[in-house]
Amino acid sequence: MPRDEANNTEKYIHVGTDKSETGEIRTINIERNSGIKALYNITTKEIVSFLFCKEKWDEGRAKEWVKKKLSEEIEIPLSEVEYLAKELIRHNKYELEKSIK
């Protein structure tokens, strides 16, 4: 379920999920042409928040989109999956090096 509150910035409407924001967060594109991005936690491998371009979305429509999509499987574009894989490798390497020291 999306969170009730939306944390908006100058350019984006942020609609959070109930997933933890603790960990390594990366911004990915979900639907580039529709102006939808997401904050992805590479530590837990979960989307923690969606970002909607204010030029294309209002808060009500954004929350409805999140509510609908959270009941389905969210498809992450292949280019973003490749980016996340590289970031996860980088994160894991850092954690391994940190544990050795």
N, C-alpha and C. Protein backbone atom coordinates (compact mmCIF):
# COMPACT_ATOMS: atom_id res chain seq x y z
N MET A 1 0.84 -1.20 0.00
CA MET A 1 0.00 0.00 0.00
C MET A 1 0.87 1.25 0.00
N PRO A 2 0.45 2.27 -0.74
CA PRO A 2 1.20 3.52 -0.68
C PRO A 2 0.96 4.21 0.66
N ARG A 3 1.94 4.96 1.10
CA ARG A 3 1.77 5.75 2.31
C ARG A 3 0.77 6.86 2.03
N ASP A 4 0.07 7.29 3.08
CA ASP A 4 -0.93 8.35 2.91
C ASP A 4 -0.32 9.68 2.54
N GLU A 5 0.83 9.98 3.16
CA GLU A 5 1.44 11.29 2.89
C GLU A 5 2.34 11.20 1.66
N ALA A 6 2.43 12.29 0.96
CA ALA A 6 3.34 12.38 -0.18
C ALA A 6 4.33 13.50 0.13
N ASN A 7 5.61 13.21 -0.01
CA ASN A 7 6.65 14.21 0.23
C ASN A 7 7.04 14.79 -1.12
N ASN A 8 6.59 15.99 -1.39
CA ASN A 8 6.81 16.59 -2.70
C ASN A 8 8.02 17.51 -2.71
N THR A 9 8.67 17.56 -3.86
CA THR A 9 9.77 18.49 -4.08
C THR A 9 9.34 19.43 -5.20
N GLU A 10 10.25 20.28 -5.63
CA GLU A 10 9.92 21.24 -6.68
C GLU A 10 9.50 20.55 -7.98
N LYS A 11 10.18 19.44 -8.33
CA LYS A 11 9.92 18.78 -9.61
C LYS A 11 9.10 17.50 -9.51
N TYR A 12 9.07 16.87 -8.31
CA TYR A 12 8.48 15.54 -8.20
C TYR A 12 7.48 15.41 -7.06
N ILE A 13 6.49 14.56 -7.31
CA ILE A 13 5.57 14.09 -6.28
C ILE A 13 6.15 12.75 -5.83
N HIS A 14 6.45 12.61 -4.55
CA HIS A 14 7.02 11.37 -4.00
C HIS A 14 5.91 10.61 -3.30
N VAL A 15 5.67 9.38 -3.74
CA VAL A 15 4.69 8.53 -3.08
C VAL A 15 5.44 7.31 -2.56
N GLY A 16 5.53 7.20 -1.23
CA GLY A 16 6.28 6.12 -0.61
C GLY A 16 5.48 4.84 -0.52
N THR A 17 6.22 3.75 -0.32
CA THR A 17 5.61 2.45 -0.06
C THR A 17 5.85 2.14 1.41
N ASP A 18 5.48 0.94 1.84
CA ASP A 18 5.71 0.56 3.24
C ASP A 18 7.07 -0.12 3.42
N LYS A 19 7.94 -0.05 2.41
CA LYS A 19 9.26 -0.68 2.46
C LYS A 19 10.27 0.24 3.14
N SER A 20 11.30 -0.37 3.71
CA SER A 20 12.31 0.37 4.47
C SER A 20 13.22 1.20 3.57
N GLU A 21 13.52 2.41 4.03
CA GLU A 21 14.46 3.28 3.33
C GLU A 21 15.85 3.18 3.92
N THR A 22 16.07 2.22 4.81
CA THR A 22 17.37 2.01 5.41
C THR A 22 18.21 1.16 4.48
N GLY A 23 19.32 1.69 4.02
CA GLY A 23 20.18 0.94 3.11
C GLY A 23 20.67 1.84 1.99
N GLU A 24 21.21 1.22 0.96
CA GLU A 24 21.74 1.93 -0.21
C GLU A 24 20.59 2.19 -1.18
N ILE A 25 20.31 3.46 -1.44
CA ILE A 25 19.19 3.85 -2.29
C ILE A 25 19.71 4.37 -3.63
N ARG A 26 19.07 3.95 -4.72
CA ARG A 26 19.39 4.42 -6.06
C ARG A 26 18.10 4.86 -6.75
N THR A 27 18.21 5.86 -7.62
CA THR A 27 17.06 6.31 -8.41
C THR A 27 17.09 5.59 -9.75
N ILE A 28 15.94 5.01 -10.12
CA ILE A 28 15.83 4.30 -11.40
C ILE A 28 14.60 4.82 -12.16
N ASN A 29 14.61 4.64 -13.48
CA ASN A 29 13.46 4.98 -14.31
C ASN A 29 12.52 3.78 -14.36
N ILE A 30 11.25 4.04 -14.19
CA ILE A 30 10.23 2.99 -14.32
C ILE A 30 9.52 3.14 -15.65
N GLU A 31 9.00 4.32 -15.92
CA GLU A 31 8.36 4.65 -17.20
C GLU A 31 8.87 6.03 -17.61
N ARG A 32 9.98 6.04 -18.32
CA ARG A 32 10.65 7.30 -18.67
C ARG A 32 9.71 8.27 -19.39
N ASN A 33 8.97 7.80 -20.39
CA ASN A 33 8.09 8.70 -21.16
C ASN A 33 6.91 9.22 -20.35
N SER A 34 6.54 8.49 -19.30
CA SER A 34 5.42 8.92 -18.45
C SER A 34 5.88 9.76 -17.27
N GLY A 35 7.20 9.90 -17.10
CA GLY A 35 7.71 10.71 -16.01
C GLY A 35 7.66 10.03 -14.66
N ILE A 36 7.89 8.70 -14.65
CA ILE A 36 7.86 7.95 -13.38
C ILE A 36 9.23 7.35 -13.10
N LYS A 37 9.73 7.66 -11.91
CA LYS A 37 10.98 7.08 -11.43
C LYS A 37 10.69 6.39 -10.10
N ALA A 38 11.69 5.71 -9.57
CA ALA A 38 11.53 5.06 -8.27
C ALA A 38 12.83 5.14 -7.49
N LEU A 39 12.71 5.14 -6.18
CA LEU A 39 13.86 4.99 -5.31
C LEU A 39 13.93 3.51 -4.96
N TYR A 40 15.05 2.88 -5.32
CA TYR A 40 15.23 1.45 -5.15
C TYR A 40 16.29 1.19 -4.11
N ASN A 41 15.98 0.35 -3.13
CA ASN A 41 16.90 -0.01 -2.07
C ASN A 41 17.68 -1.24 -2.54
N ILE A 42 18.97 -1.05 -2.88
CA ILE A 42 19.74 -2.20 -3.37
C ILE A 42 20.12 -3.15 -2.24
N THR A 43 20.00 -2.70 -1.00
CA THR A 43 20.28 -3.57 0.13
C THR A 43 19.16 -4.60 0.31
N THR A 44 17.91 -4.12 0.26
CA THR A 44 16.76 -5.02 0.45
C THR A 44 16.14 -5.47 -0.87
N LYS A 45 16.59 -4.86 -1.98
CA LYS A 45 16.07 -5.15 -3.33
C LYS A 45 14.58 -4.87 -3.44
N GLU A 46 14.18 -3.69 -2.94
CA GLU A 46 12.78 -3.28 -2.97
C GLU A 46 12.65 -1.82 -3.38
N ILE A 47 11.55 -1.51 -4.03
CA ILE A 47 11.22 -0.11 -4.33
C ILE A 47 10.63 0.49 -3.06
N VAL A 48 11.22 1.62 -2.63
CA VAL A 48 10.75 2.25 -1.39
C VAL A 48 9.89 3.48 -1.65
N SER A 49 9.98 4.04 -2.86
CA SER A 49 9.22 5.24 -3.16
C SER A 49 9.15 5.44 -4.67
N PHE A 50 8.08 6.06 -5.13
CA PHE A 50 7.93 6.41 -6.54
C PHE A 50 7.97 7.92 -6.67
N LEU A 51 8.57 8.39 -7.76
CA LEU A 51 8.67 9.82 -8.04
C LEU A 51 7.94 10.11 -9.35
N PHE A 52 7.03 11.05 -9.30
CA PHE A 52 6.22 11.41 -10.47
C PHE A 52 6.51 12.86 -10.86
N CYS A 53 6.82 13.07 -12.13
CA CYS A 53 7.09 14.40 -12.65
C CYS A 53 5.83 15.26 -12.49
N LYS A 54 5.97 16.40 -11.83
CA LYS A 54 4.82 17.28 -11.59
C LYS A 54 4.22 17.84 -12.88
N GLU A 55 5.02 17.91 -13.94
CA GLU A 55 4.50 18.42 -15.21
C GLU A 55 3.50 17.45 -15.83
N LYS A 56 3.55 16.18 -15.43
CA LYS A 56 2.68 15.17 -16.04
C LYS A 56 1.68 14.54 -15.08
N TRP A 57 1.88 14.71 -13.77
CA TRP A 57 1.07 14.03 -12.77
C TRP A 57 0.58 14.99 -11.70
N ASP A 58 -0.58 14.65 -11.11
CA ASP A 58 -1.02 15.31 -9.88
C ASP A 58 -0.97 14.25 -8.77
N GLU A 59 -1.06 14.70 -7.54
CA GLU A 59 -0.88 13.79 -6.42
C GLU A 59 -1.91 12.66 -6.38
N GLY A 60 -3.16 12.96 -6.69
CA GLY A 60 -4.22 11.95 -6.69
C GLY A 60 -3.97 10.84 -7.70
N ARG A 61 -3.64 11.24 -8.92
CA ARG A 61 -3.35 10.23 -9.97
C ARG A 61 -2.12 9.41 -9.62
N ALA A 62 -1.10 10.06 -9.05
CA ALA A 62 0.13 9.36 -8.67
C ALA A 62 -0.16 8.29 -7.61
N LYS A 63 -0.93 8.64 -6.60
CA LYS A 63 -1.26 7.68 -5.55
C LYS A 63 -2.09 6.52 -6.10
N GLU A 64 -3.01 6.81 -7.00
CA GLU A 64 -3.81 5.74 -7.62
C GLU A 64 -2.92 4.80 -8.44
N TRP A 65 -1.96 5.36 -9.19
CA TRP A 65 -1.05 4.54 -9.99
C TRP A 65 -0.26 3.61 -9.08
N VAL A 66 0.26 4.14 -7.97
CA VAL A 66 1.04 3.32 -7.03
C VAL A 66 0.17 2.23 -6.43
N LYS A 67 -1.03 2.58 -6.01
CA LYS A 67 -1.94 1.59 -5.42
C LYS A 67 -2.21 0.45 -6.39
N LYS A 68 -2.45 0.79 -7.64
CA LYS A 68 -2.72 -0.23 -8.66
C LYS A 68 -1.47 -1.07 -8.92
N LYS A 69 -0.32 -0.42 -9.09
CA LYS A 69 0.91 -1.14 -9.43
C LYS A 69 1.41 -2.02 -8.30
N LEU A 70 1.19 -1.63 -7.05
CA LEU A 70 1.65 -2.45 -5.93
C LEU A 70 0.88 -3.76 -5.83
N SER A 71 -0.29 -3.83 -6.46
CA SER A 71 -1.03 -5.09 -6.46
C SER A 71 -0.60 -5.99 -7.63
N GLU A 72 0.27 -5.48 -8.50
CA GLU A 72 0.80 -6.22 -9.64
C GLU A 72 2.31 -6.36 -9.47
N GLU A 73 2.93 -7.04 -10.41
CA GLU A 73 4.39 -7.10 -10.42
C GLU A 73 4.89 -5.90 -11.21
N ILE A 74 5.79 -5.14 -10.62
CA ILE A 74 6.32 -3.95 -11.27
C ILE A 74 7.48 -4.35 -12.16
N GLU A 75 7.40 -3.97 -13.41
CA GLU A 75 8.44 -4.32 -14.36
C GLU A 75 9.48 -3.21 -14.41
N ILE A 76 10.72 -3.57 -14.11
CA ILE A 76 11.83 -2.62 -14.17
C ILE A 76 12.51 -2.78 -15.52
N PRO A 77 12.69 -1.69 -16.27
CA PRO A 77 13.33 -1.78 -17.59
C PRO A 77 14.72 -2.42 -17.50
N LEU A 78 15.08 -3.18 -18.54
CA LEU A 78 16.34 -3.91 -18.57
C LEU A 78 17.55 -3.01 -18.32
N SER A 79 17.56 -1.83 -18.91
CA SER A 79 18.70 -0.92 -18.70
C SER A 79 18.86 -0.58 -17.22
N GLU A 80 17.75 -0.45 -16.52
CA GLU A 80 17.80 -0.14 -15.09
C GLU A 80 18.23 -1.36 -14.28
N VAL A 81 17.83 -2.55 -14.71
CA VAL A 81 18.25 -3.78 -14.04
C VAL A 81 19.77 -3.93 -14.15
N GLU A 82 20.31 -3.65 -15.33
CA GLU A 82 21.76 -3.72 -15.52
C GLU A 82 22.47 -2.71 -14.61
N TYR A 83 21.95 -1.51 -14.53
CA TYR A 83 22.51 -0.48 -13.65
C TYR A 83 22.48 -0.95 -12.20
N LEU A 84 21.35 -1.51 -11.77
CA LEU A 84 21.22 -1.97 -10.38
C LEU A 84 22.17 -3.13 -10.09
N ALA A 85 22.36 -4.01 -11.07
CA ALA A 85 23.27 -5.13 -10.88
C ALA A 85 24.69 -4.61 -10.62
N LYS A 86 25.12 -3.62 -11.40
CA LYS A 86 26.44 -3.03 -11.20
C LYS A 86 26.54 -2.36 -9.82
N GLU A 87 25.49 -1.66 -9.43
CA GLU A 87 25.49 -0.99 -8.12
C GLU A 87 25.50 -2.02 -6.99
N LEU A 88 24.79 -3.12 -7.16
CA LEU A 88 24.78 -4.15 -6.13
C LEU A 88 26.15 -4.80 -5.99
N ILE A 89 26.82 -5.05 -7.10
CA ILE A 89 28.18 -5.60 -7.06
C ILE A 89 29.10 -4.63 -6.33
N ARG A 90 29.00 -3.35 -6.67
CA ARG A 90 29.82 -2.33 -6.02
C ARG A 90 29.53 -2.28 -4.52
N HIS A 91 28.27 -2.34 -4.15
CA HIS A 91 27.87 -2.31 -2.74
C HIS A 91 28.41 -3.54 -2.00
N ASN A 92 28.25 -4.72 -2.58
CA ASN A 92 28.71 -5.94 -1.94
C ASN A 92 30.23 -5.96 -1.78
N LYS A 93 30.94 -5.45 -2.79
CA LYS A 93 32.40 -5.37 -2.71
C LYS A 93 32.81 -4.45 -1.57
N TYR A 94 32.14 -3.32 -1.45
CA TYR A 94 32.42 -2.38 -0.37
C TYR A 94 32.17 -3.02 1.00
N GLU A 95 31.04 -3.71 1.15
CA GLU A 95 30.71 -4.36 2.42
C GLU A 95 31.74 -5.45 2.76
N LEU A 96 32.19 -6.19 1.76
CA LEU A 96 33.19 -7.24 1.98
C LEU A 96 34.52 -6.62 2.43
N GLU A 97 34.95 -5.57 1.74
CA GLU A 97 36.20 -4.90 2.09
C GLU A 97 36.11 -4.31 3.50
N LYS A 98 34.97 -3.76 3.84
CA LYS A 98 34.77 -3.17 5.16
C LYS A 98 34.84 -4.24 6.26
N SER A 99 34.32 -5.43 5.99
CA SER A 99 34.31 -6.49 6.99
C SER A 99 35.69 -7.11 7.20
N ILE A 100 36.56 -7.01 6.19
CA ILE A 100 37.90 -7.57 6.27
C ILE A 100 38.81 -6.68 7.11
N LYS A 101 38.58 -5.37 7.08
CA LYS A 101 39.44 -4.40 7.79
C LYS A 101 39.31 -4.47 9.27
